[in-house]
Protein backbone atom coordinates (compact mmCIF):
# COMPACT_ATOMS: atom_id res chain seq x y z
CA MET A 1 -14.23 14.90 -37.32
CA PHE A 2 -16.46 15.78 -34.55
CA PRO A 3 -20.16 16.54 -35.39
CA ILE A 4 -21.59 20.08 -34.71
CA LEU A 5 -24.80 20.23 -32.63
CA SER A 6 -26.88 22.93 -32.19
CA PHE A 7 -28.74 21.58 -28.87
CA HIS A 8 -25.18 20.63 -27.16
CA ARG A 9 -23.32 23.06 -25.06
CA PHE A 10 -20.35 22.31 -22.97
CA LEU A 11 -19.74 24.35 -19.68
CA SER A 12 -16.11 23.67 -19.32
CA ASN A 13 -13.38 25.97 -20.89
CA TYR A 14 -11.26 23.13 -21.57
CA SER A 15 -14.08 21.47 -23.57
CA LYS A 16 -14.64 24.89 -25.68
CA ILE A 17 -10.96 24.59 -26.60
CA LEU A 18 -10.62 21.04 -27.40
CA THR A 19 -13.80 20.98 -29.59
CA SER A 20 -12.59 24.03 -31.49
CA ASP A 21 -11.41 23.53 -34.94
CA LYS A 22 -7.78 24.13 -33.74
CA GLY A 23 -8.53 21.62 -30.70
CA LYS A 24 -10.00 18.85 -33.20
CA ILE A 25 -6.69 19.20 -35.69
CA PHE A 26 -4.30 19.04 -32.76
CA LEU A 27 -5.84 16.00 -31.20
CA GLN A 28 -6.03 14.52 -34.71
CA LYS A 29 -2.38 15.25 -35.10
CA ILE A 30 -1.34 13.57 -31.91
CA THR A 31 -3.60 10.49 -32.83
CA ASP A 32 -2.08 10.35 -36.43
CA PHE A 33 1.58 10.52 -34.83
CA VAL A 34 0.68 7.52 -32.48
CA ASN A 35 -0.62 5.43 -35.45
CA GLU A 36 2.06 6.27 -37.84
CA PRO A 37 5.06 7.61 -36.13
CA GLU A 38 7.34 7.03 -38.86
CA LYS A 39 5.55 9.91 -40.98
CA TYR A 40 6.68 12.37 -38.36
CA PRO A 41 10.47 12.07 -37.93
CA SER A 42 11.14 15.28 -36.67
CA THR A 43 7.97 16.61 -35.09
CA SER A 44 7.92 18.41 -31.44
CA LEU A 45 5.08 16.07 -30.47
CA ARG A 46 7.93 13.50 -29.60
CA SER A 47 8.72 16.03 -26.60
CA TYR A 48 5.42 15.06 -25.00
CA GLY A 49 6.80 11.12 -24.71
CA ASP A 50 5.37 8.16 -26.19
CA GLY A 51 3.46 7.31 -23.08
CA ASN A 52 1.71 10.37 -22.68
CA CYS A 53 1.12 10.76 -26.66
CA ARG A 54 -0.69 7.35 -26.37
CA GLU A 55 -2.83 8.29 -23.53
CA ILE A 56 -3.96 11.54 -25.33
CA ALA A 57 -4.81 9.28 -28.48
CA SER A 58 -6.81 7.16 -26.30
CA LYS A 59 -8.73 9.76 -24.62
CA HIS A 60 -9.16 11.54 -28.14
CA ALA A 61 -10.87 8.26 -29.27
CA SER A 62 -13.14 8.09 -26.21
CA LEU A 63 -13.97 11.85 -27.13
CA GLN A 64 -14.90 10.76 -30.51
CA GLU A 65 -17.23 7.98 -29.61
CA LYS A 66 -19.19 10.15 -27.20
CA TRP A 67 -19.60 12.78 -30.26
CA GLU A 68 -20.75 9.79 -32.13
CA GLU A 69 -23.33 9.21 -29.48
CA THR A 70 -24.67 12.78 -29.56
CA GLU A 71 -24.99 12.38 -33.32
CA ILE A 72 -27.24 9.59 -32.81
CA LEU A 73 -29.13 11.29 -29.94
CA SER A 74 -29.44 14.38 -32.39
CA SER A 75 -31.11 12.32 -34.96
CA LEU A 76 -33.59 10.50 -32.32
CA LYS A 77 -34.61 14.03 -31.25
CA LYS A 78 -35.44 15.17 -34.37
CA GLU A 79 -37.45 12.07 -35.30
CA GLY A 80 -39.31 11.81 -31.91
CA LYS A 81 -39.78 15.54 -31.51
CA ASN A 82 -43.47 14.77 -30.37
CA ASP A 83 -42.56 11.92 -27.94
CA LYS A 84 -42.21 13.74 -24.81
CA LYS A 85 -40.96 10.89 -22.84
CA LEU A 86 -38.24 10.08 -25.57
CA LEU A 87 -37.33 13.95 -25.37
CA VAL A 88 -36.74 13.77 -21.77
CA GLN A 89 -34.68 10.48 -21.93
CA ILE A 90 -32.60 12.16 -24.62
CA ASP A 91 -32.00 15.33 -22.66
CA LYS A 92 -30.73 13.09 -19.58
CA ASP A 93 -28.44 11.19 -21.99
CA THR A 94 -27.09 14.54 -23.20
CA LYS A 95 -26.39 16.15 -20.17
CA GLY A 96 -24.68 12.71 -18.78
CA ILE A 97 -22.47 13.00 -22.28
CA GLU A 98 -21.79 16.64 -21.65
CA THR A 99 -20.54 16.07 -18.20
CA PHE A 100 -18.43 13.08 -19.35
CA VAL A 101 -16.80 15.34 -22.15
CA ASP A 102 -15.95 18.29 -19.92
CA GLU A 103 -14.10 15.63 -17.25
CA LEU A 104 -12.56 13.88 -20.51
CA CYS A 105 -11.20 17.42 -21.77
CA GLU A 106 -9.88 18.68 -18.49
CA GLU A 107 -8.10 15.31 -18.22
CA LEU A 108 -6.63 16.03 -21.67
CA ALA A 109 -5.70 19.56 -20.81
CA TYR A 110 -3.49 18.54 -18.05
CA LEU A 111 -1.96 15.94 -20.37
CA ILE A 112 -1.34 18.52 -23.09
CA ILE A 113 -0.05 21.35 -20.81
CA ARG A 114 3.78 21.16 -20.24
CA ASP A 115 4.71 21.59 -16.76
CA ASN A 116 7.27 24.43 -16.36
CA GLU A 117 9.89 24.97 -13.62
CA PHE A 118 7.78 27.33 -11.71
CA ASP A 119 4.71 25.24 -11.58
CA ASP A 120 5.79 23.71 -8.07
CA ILE A 121 7.40 26.71 -6.50
CA ALA A 122 6.72 26.15 -2.71
CA SER A 123 7.68 29.66 -1.39
CA CYS A 124 6.67 33.13 -2.21
CA GLN A 125 6.86 36.64 -0.73
CA MET A 126 3.62 38.91 -0.58
CA GLU A 127 4.51 42.65 -0.08
CA PHE A 128 1.87 44.95 0.89
CA SER A 129 2.01 48.83 0.28
CA SER A 130 -0.38 51.54 1.13
CA GLY A 131 -1.34 54.01 -1.59
CA VAL A 132 -3.32 56.75 -2.56
CA GLY A 133 -5.53 57.53 0.46
CA GLY A 134 -3.22 57.98 3.23
CA LEU A 135 -4.22 56.48 6.45
CA GLU A 136 -7.24 54.90 4.81
CA SER A 137 -5.25 53.42 2.54
CA GLY A 138 -3.21 51.74 5.16
CA LEU A 139 -6.21 50.66 7.02
CA PHE A 140 -7.48 48.78 3.79
CA ALA A 141 -3.84 47.35 3.55
CA SER A 142 -4.07 46.10 6.98
CA GLU A 143 -7.52 44.37 6.09
CA LEU A 144 -6.16 42.64 3.09
CA TYR A 145 -3.13 41.26 5.06
CA SER A 146 -5.65 39.76 7.50
CA MET A 147 -7.43 38.28 4.67
CA TYR A 148 -4.78 36.56 2.94
CA GLU A 149 -3.30 35.47 6.59
CA ASN A 150 -6.71 33.96 6.94
CA TYR A 151 -6.65 32.10 3.64
CA ALA A 152 -3.16 30.88 3.87
CA ALA A 153 -4.56 29.32 7.01
CA ARG A 154 -7.40 27.80 5.19
CA ARG A 155 -4.82 26.25 2.51
CA GLY A 156 -2.60 24.94 5.13
CA TRP A 157 0.35 27.22 4.35
CA SER A 158 2.77 28.73 6.62
CA TRP A 159 2.70 32.58 7.10
CA ASN A 160 5.80 34.30 8.13
CA PRO A 161 5.82 37.98 8.63
CA ILE A 162 9.31 39.46 7.65
CA LYS A 163 8.68 42.98 8.43
CA VAL A 164 5.41 45.11 9.13
CA ASP A 165 5.62 48.98 9.32
CA PHE A 166 2.69 50.85 10.42
CA PHE A 167 1.37 54.20 10.35
CA ASP A 168 2.43 56.09 13.47
CA GLY A 169 -0.07 55.31 16.42
CA SER A 170 -2.28 53.13 14.46
CA ASN A 171 -2.87 49.54 13.16
CA ALA A 172 -2.62 50.91 9.58
CA ILE A 173 0.08 49.12 7.53
CA ARG A 174 2.11 51.64 5.69
CA TYR A 175 4.55 48.67 4.26
CA ALA A 176 4.33 44.87 5.07
CA THR A 177 6.55 41.89 3.97
CA VAL A 178 5.34 38.27 4.51
CA SER A 179 6.93 34.75 3.27
CA LEU A 180 4.44 32.09 2.36
CA HIS A 181 5.18 28.19 2.14
CA GLY A 182 3.01 25.50 0.91
CA PRO A 183 2.42 23.24 -2.11
CA ARG A 184 2.23 25.46 -5.38
CA VAL A 185 1.80 28.53 -3.41
CA TYR A 186 3.45 30.67 -5.74
CA THR A 187 1.25 29.47 -8.74
CA THR A 188 -1.75 29.95 -6.68
CA MET A 189 -1.08 33.64 -5.32
CA LYS A 190 0.72 35.12 -8.45
CA PHE A 191 -2.17 36.79 -9.83
CA GLU A 192 -3.08 38.67 -6.46
CA ALA A 193 -0.53 40.76 -7.63
CA GLY A 194 -1.69 44.37 -8.62
CA VAL A 195 -3.44 47.23 -7.33
CA HIS A 196 -6.65 46.73 -5.14
CA ARG A 197 -8.83 49.79 -4.79
CA VAL A 198 -11.75 50.26 -1.93
CA GLN A 199 -14.65 52.56 -2.02
CA ARG A 200 -16.40 53.44 1.20
CA ASN A 201 -16.79 55.92 3.77
CA PRO A 202 -13.60 55.48 6.04
CA VAL A 203 -13.37 56.37 9.59
CA THR A 204 -11.19 59.28 8.93
CA ASP A 205 -13.94 61.02 6.95
CA PRO A 206 -17.48 59.16 7.42
CA SER A 207 -19.10 61.85 5.67
CA ARG A 208 -18.50 60.87 2.19
CA ILE A 209 -17.31 57.88 0.22
CA HIS A 210 -13.61 58.05 -0.39
CA THR A 211 -11.67 55.84 -3.02
CA SER A 212 -8.28 54.47 -1.91
CA THR A 213 -5.64 51.89 -3.13
CA MET A 214 -3.00 49.70 -2.12
CA SER A 215 -0.78 47.39 -4.09
CA ILE A 216 0.39 43.94 -3.74
CA VAL A 217 3.61 42.42 -5.14
CA VAL A 218 3.78 38.41 -5.13
CA MET A 219 7.39 37.13 -5.86
CA PRO A 220 8.73 33.49 -6.23
CA GLU A 221 11.18 32.29 -3.61
CA SER A 222 14.15 30.25 -4.62
CA SER A 223 14.62 27.05 -2.70
CA GLU A 224 18.38 27.52 -3.19
CA ASP A 225 20.38 28.32 -0.01
CA PRO A 226 21.17 31.98 -0.29
CA GLU A 227 24.62 31.24 1.29
CA ILE A 228 25.82 29.32 -1.81
CA ALA A 229 23.48 30.59 -4.61
CA PHE A 230 25.93 33.18 -5.90
CA LYS A 231 29.49 32.92 -7.58
CA LYS A 232 32.55 34.58 -5.85
CA GLY A 233 32.77 38.16 -7.14
CA GLU A 234 29.09 38.57 -8.34
CA LEU A 235 27.87 40.39 -5.54
CA LYS A 236 28.78 44.10 -4.18
CA ILE A 237 27.83 44.07 -0.50
CA GLU A 238 27.50 47.36 1.33
CA PHE A 239 26.72 47.87 5.11
CA MET A 240 25.20 51.07 6.26
CA ARG A 241 22.95 52.53 9.22
CA ALA A 242 19.35 51.83 8.85
CA SER A 243 17.11 54.52 8.41
CA GLY A 244 13.59 55.18 10.04
CA PRO A 245 12.00 54.47 13.22
CA GLY A 246 12.94 51.21 15.03
CA GLY A 247 14.72 51.62 18.39
CA GLN A 248 18.40 52.25 19.76
CA ASN A 249 19.89 49.83 17.12
CA VAL A 250 18.38 51.90 14.17
CA ASN A 251 20.75 54.66 12.95
CA LYS A 252 23.32 53.71 15.40
CA THR A 253 24.99 50.50 14.00
CA ASN A 254 25.75 49.62 10.39
CA SER A 255 22.71 46.76 10.39
CA ALA A 256 21.30 47.88 7.10
CA VAL A 257 22.76 45.79 3.94
CA ARG A 258 22.86 46.86 0.26
CA ILE A 259 23.43 44.16 -2.39
CA VAL A 260 24.21 45.03 -6.09
CA HIS A 261 24.19 41.97 -8.40
CA LEU A 262 26.85 43.07 -10.72
CA PRO A 263 25.73 40.95 -13.78
CA THR A 264 22.55 42.41 -14.04
CA GLY A 265 22.81 45.77 -11.97
CA ILE A 266 19.91 44.89 -9.62
CA GLN A 267 20.08 46.36 -6.20
CA VAL A 268 18.03 45.26 -3.09
CA HIS A 269 18.28 46.70 0.44
CA ALA A 270 17.40 45.04 3.73
CA GLN A 271 17.23 46.60 7.34
CA GLU A 272 14.58 44.51 8.71
CA ASP A 273 16.09 42.94 11.52
CA ARG A 274 18.24 44.41 14.28
CA PHE A 275 21.30 42.42 13.35
CA GLN A 276 23.49 43.08 10.14
CA TYR A 277 24.00 38.90 9.49
CA ASN A 278 20.19 38.41 9.26
CA ASN A 279 19.78 41.52 6.95
CA LEU A 280 22.47 40.26 4.75
CA LYS A 281 20.69 36.99 4.71
CA ILE A 282 17.15 38.81 3.77
CA ALA A 283 18.89 40.80 1.11
CA LYS A 284 20.22 37.64 -0.61
CA GLN A 285 16.71 36.33 -0.50
CA LYS A 286 15.14 39.54 -1.94
CA LEU A 287 17.76 39.34 -4.85
CA MET A 288 17.23 35.66 -5.53
CA SER A 289 13.45 36.38 -5.74
CA LYS A 290 14.06 39.21 -8.09
CA LEU A 291 16.36 37.20 -10.26
CA LEU A 292 13.75 34.33 -10.43
CA GLN A 293 11.03 37.04 -11.18
CA ILE A 294 13.13 37.94 -14.41
CA GLN A 295 12.65 34.34 -15.49
CA VAL A 296 9.05 34.19 -15.20
CA ASP A 297 8.95 37.69 -17.20
CA GLU A 298 10.82 36.14 -19.70
CA GLN A 299 8.79 32.86 -20.14
CA ALA A 300 5.76 35.32 -20.25
CA LYS A 301 7.17 37.02 -23.13
CA ALA A 302 7.99 33.91 -24.84
CA SER A 303 4.13 32.95 -24.94
CA LYS A 304 2.50 33.18 -28.19
CA ALA A 305 -0.99 33.70 -26.66
CA THR A 306 -2.10 37.44 -25.67
CA ARG A 307 -2.88 36.60 -22.01
CA GLN A 308 -5.81 37.89 -20.01
CA LEU A 309 -3.70 37.28 -17.07
CA GLN A 310 -0.19 38.37 -16.16
CA ALA A 311 2.48 37.09 -13.47
CA THR A 312 4.95 39.75 -14.55
CA THR A 313 6.33 42.92 -13.07
CA LYS A 314 4.19 44.48 -15.67
CA SER A 315 0.86 43.50 -13.72
CA TRP A 316 2.00 44.95 -10.39
CA SER A 317 0.69 48.48 -11.40
CA GLU A 318 -2.59 47.46 -12.92
CA LYS A 319 -5.76 47.94 -11.25
CA ILE A 320 -7.18 44.24 -10.83
CA ARG A 321 -9.80 44.54 -8.20
CA THR A 322 -12.31 47.05 -6.43
CA PHE A 323 -13.93 46.33 -3.05
CA ASN A 324 -17.27 48.66 -2.98
CA TYR A 325 -18.56 48.65 0.59
CA LYS A 326 -21.97 50.53 -0.15
CA SER A 327 -22.87 47.58 -2.53
CA SER A 328 -20.97 44.88 -0.64
CA ARG A 329 -19.65 43.96 -3.71
CA VAL A 330 -16.25 42.75 -5.08
CA THR A 331 -15.11 42.91 -8.40
CA ASP A 332 -12.04 41.72 -10.33
CA HIS A 333 -11.68 43.64 -13.37
CA ARG A 334 -9.49 41.07 -15.47
CA ILE A 335 -12.24 38.26 -15.49
CA ASN A 336 -15.36 40.21 -15.05
CA TYR A 337 -15.98 38.12 -11.60
CA GLU A 338 -18.05 39.95 -8.98
CA THR A 339 -19.63 38.74 -5.82
CA ARG A 340 -21.69 40.27 -3.29
CA ARG A 341 -20.18 38.39 -0.34
CA LEU A 342 -17.87 41.16 0.72
CA ASP A 343 -17.76 40.06 4.39
CA ASP A 344 -16.90 36.49 3.48
CA PHE A 345 -14.49 37.51 1.07
CA LEU A 346 -12.47 39.74 3.45
CA ARG A 347 -12.48 36.78 6.05
CA GLY A 348 -10.64 34.67 3.35
CA GLY A 349 -13.55 32.38 2.79
CA ASP A 350 -15.21 30.58 -0.02
CA SER A 351 -15.74 33.62 -2.11
CA LEU A 352 -12.21 34.35 -2.12
CA ASP A 353 -11.13 30.81 -2.43
CA GLU A 354 -13.74 30.58 -5.73
CA LEU A 355 -12.04 33.81 -7.55
CA ILE A 356 -8.59 32.36 -6.78
CA ARG A 357 -9.38 28.97 -8.46
CA GLN A 358 -11.01 30.99 -11.33
CA LEU A 359 -8.11 32.55 -11.76
CA GLU A 360 -5.95 29.28 -11.65
CA GLU A 361 -8.40 27.64 -14.23
CA LEU A 362 -8.39 30.45 -16.56
CA HIS A 363 -4.44 30.40 -16.39
CA MET A 364 -4.34 26.92 -17.37
CA VAL A 365 -6.83 27.52 -20.20
CA GLU A 366 -4.38 30.29 -21.62
CA ARG A 367 -1.53 27.72 -21.41
CA LEU A 368 -3.73 25.16 -23.29
CA GLU A 369 -4.28 27.77 -25.90
CA ASP A 370 -0.47 28.25 -26.01
CA ALA A 371 0.23 24.58 -26.39
CA ILE A 372 -2.16 24.06 -29.28
CA GLU A 373 -1.00 27.21 -31.17
CA GLN A 374 2.72 26.51 -30.79
CA GLU A 375 2.19 22.69 -32.10
CA LEU A 376 -0.14 23.84 -35.08
CA SER A 377 2.34 26.77 -36.15
CA SER A 378 5.44 24.44 -36.07
């Protein structure tokens, strides 16, 4: 067992989990399985693979060695409490061990967390919708649209607008849909879904502070070809005239498409394009995304952990973030994150990247807790 040291404090979330009581038991169980596999004929640990289990056990041994070193340092610290030079060296050595253990625990975490089929999704759709606040809400939606466009460029992802609908006579977005493509883009962006709130003096009424909202939906895009993704008789397809502004073709031709997925009853509608064929393709892609999102929701329900973060349809209506212009503050309400770099955040700069990476890490921490909990309860 690892010793408990009062002077030792790890910074990594992974370290806190793997050096907890459950973490220690889990790592020891894998080590015991590697050393005496015949005693575990039906363990679920076999699903990790022999090579993976051996690597986890090896890193566990290294972790134990470092804890033994900290035991020695702890004793030396007590014995030499009046030796300032010795205490300085002990603190230096301790910090070195902390850094090593944090890095080792992160490596262990990624060995323990099982990949799932959604981790590497390289395409997703973002939907921007104005909400409470009318035109001011649309202006805020436009700012966030630009923010994420800049962030996509920063990450090297492609940003492909599908539809952008503005309030009449303005650059305020009423509704917009964008397709993003890039490595692990859905895993990175899925926690941006939800209600975003802004508090400021709007240009429409600068005399007082208004609170407005807009919402974002992030849905995975399937890599399947929509033309061959569905079985014969699975879809009910209807063509109709498009509604709303859009030029001569709108309202005069049956260019809009509605699809009903008969096995689930899910309906989608598309009128983004002037041509029926393109709208049919868009509608099929929307349907595939909705069906894929159902799988994401089902996987989340199967999780044993109570998640602080959600990437399900449930999360789309939850307030996740507030932009306060008076104090130049951005607050994420899920993880108590706060930054005073509002301008940098809205440019899609370092502060946005920092938050997104923190959300990604928290998600991985929750999955690590899941993996340990599931194994110990089996």
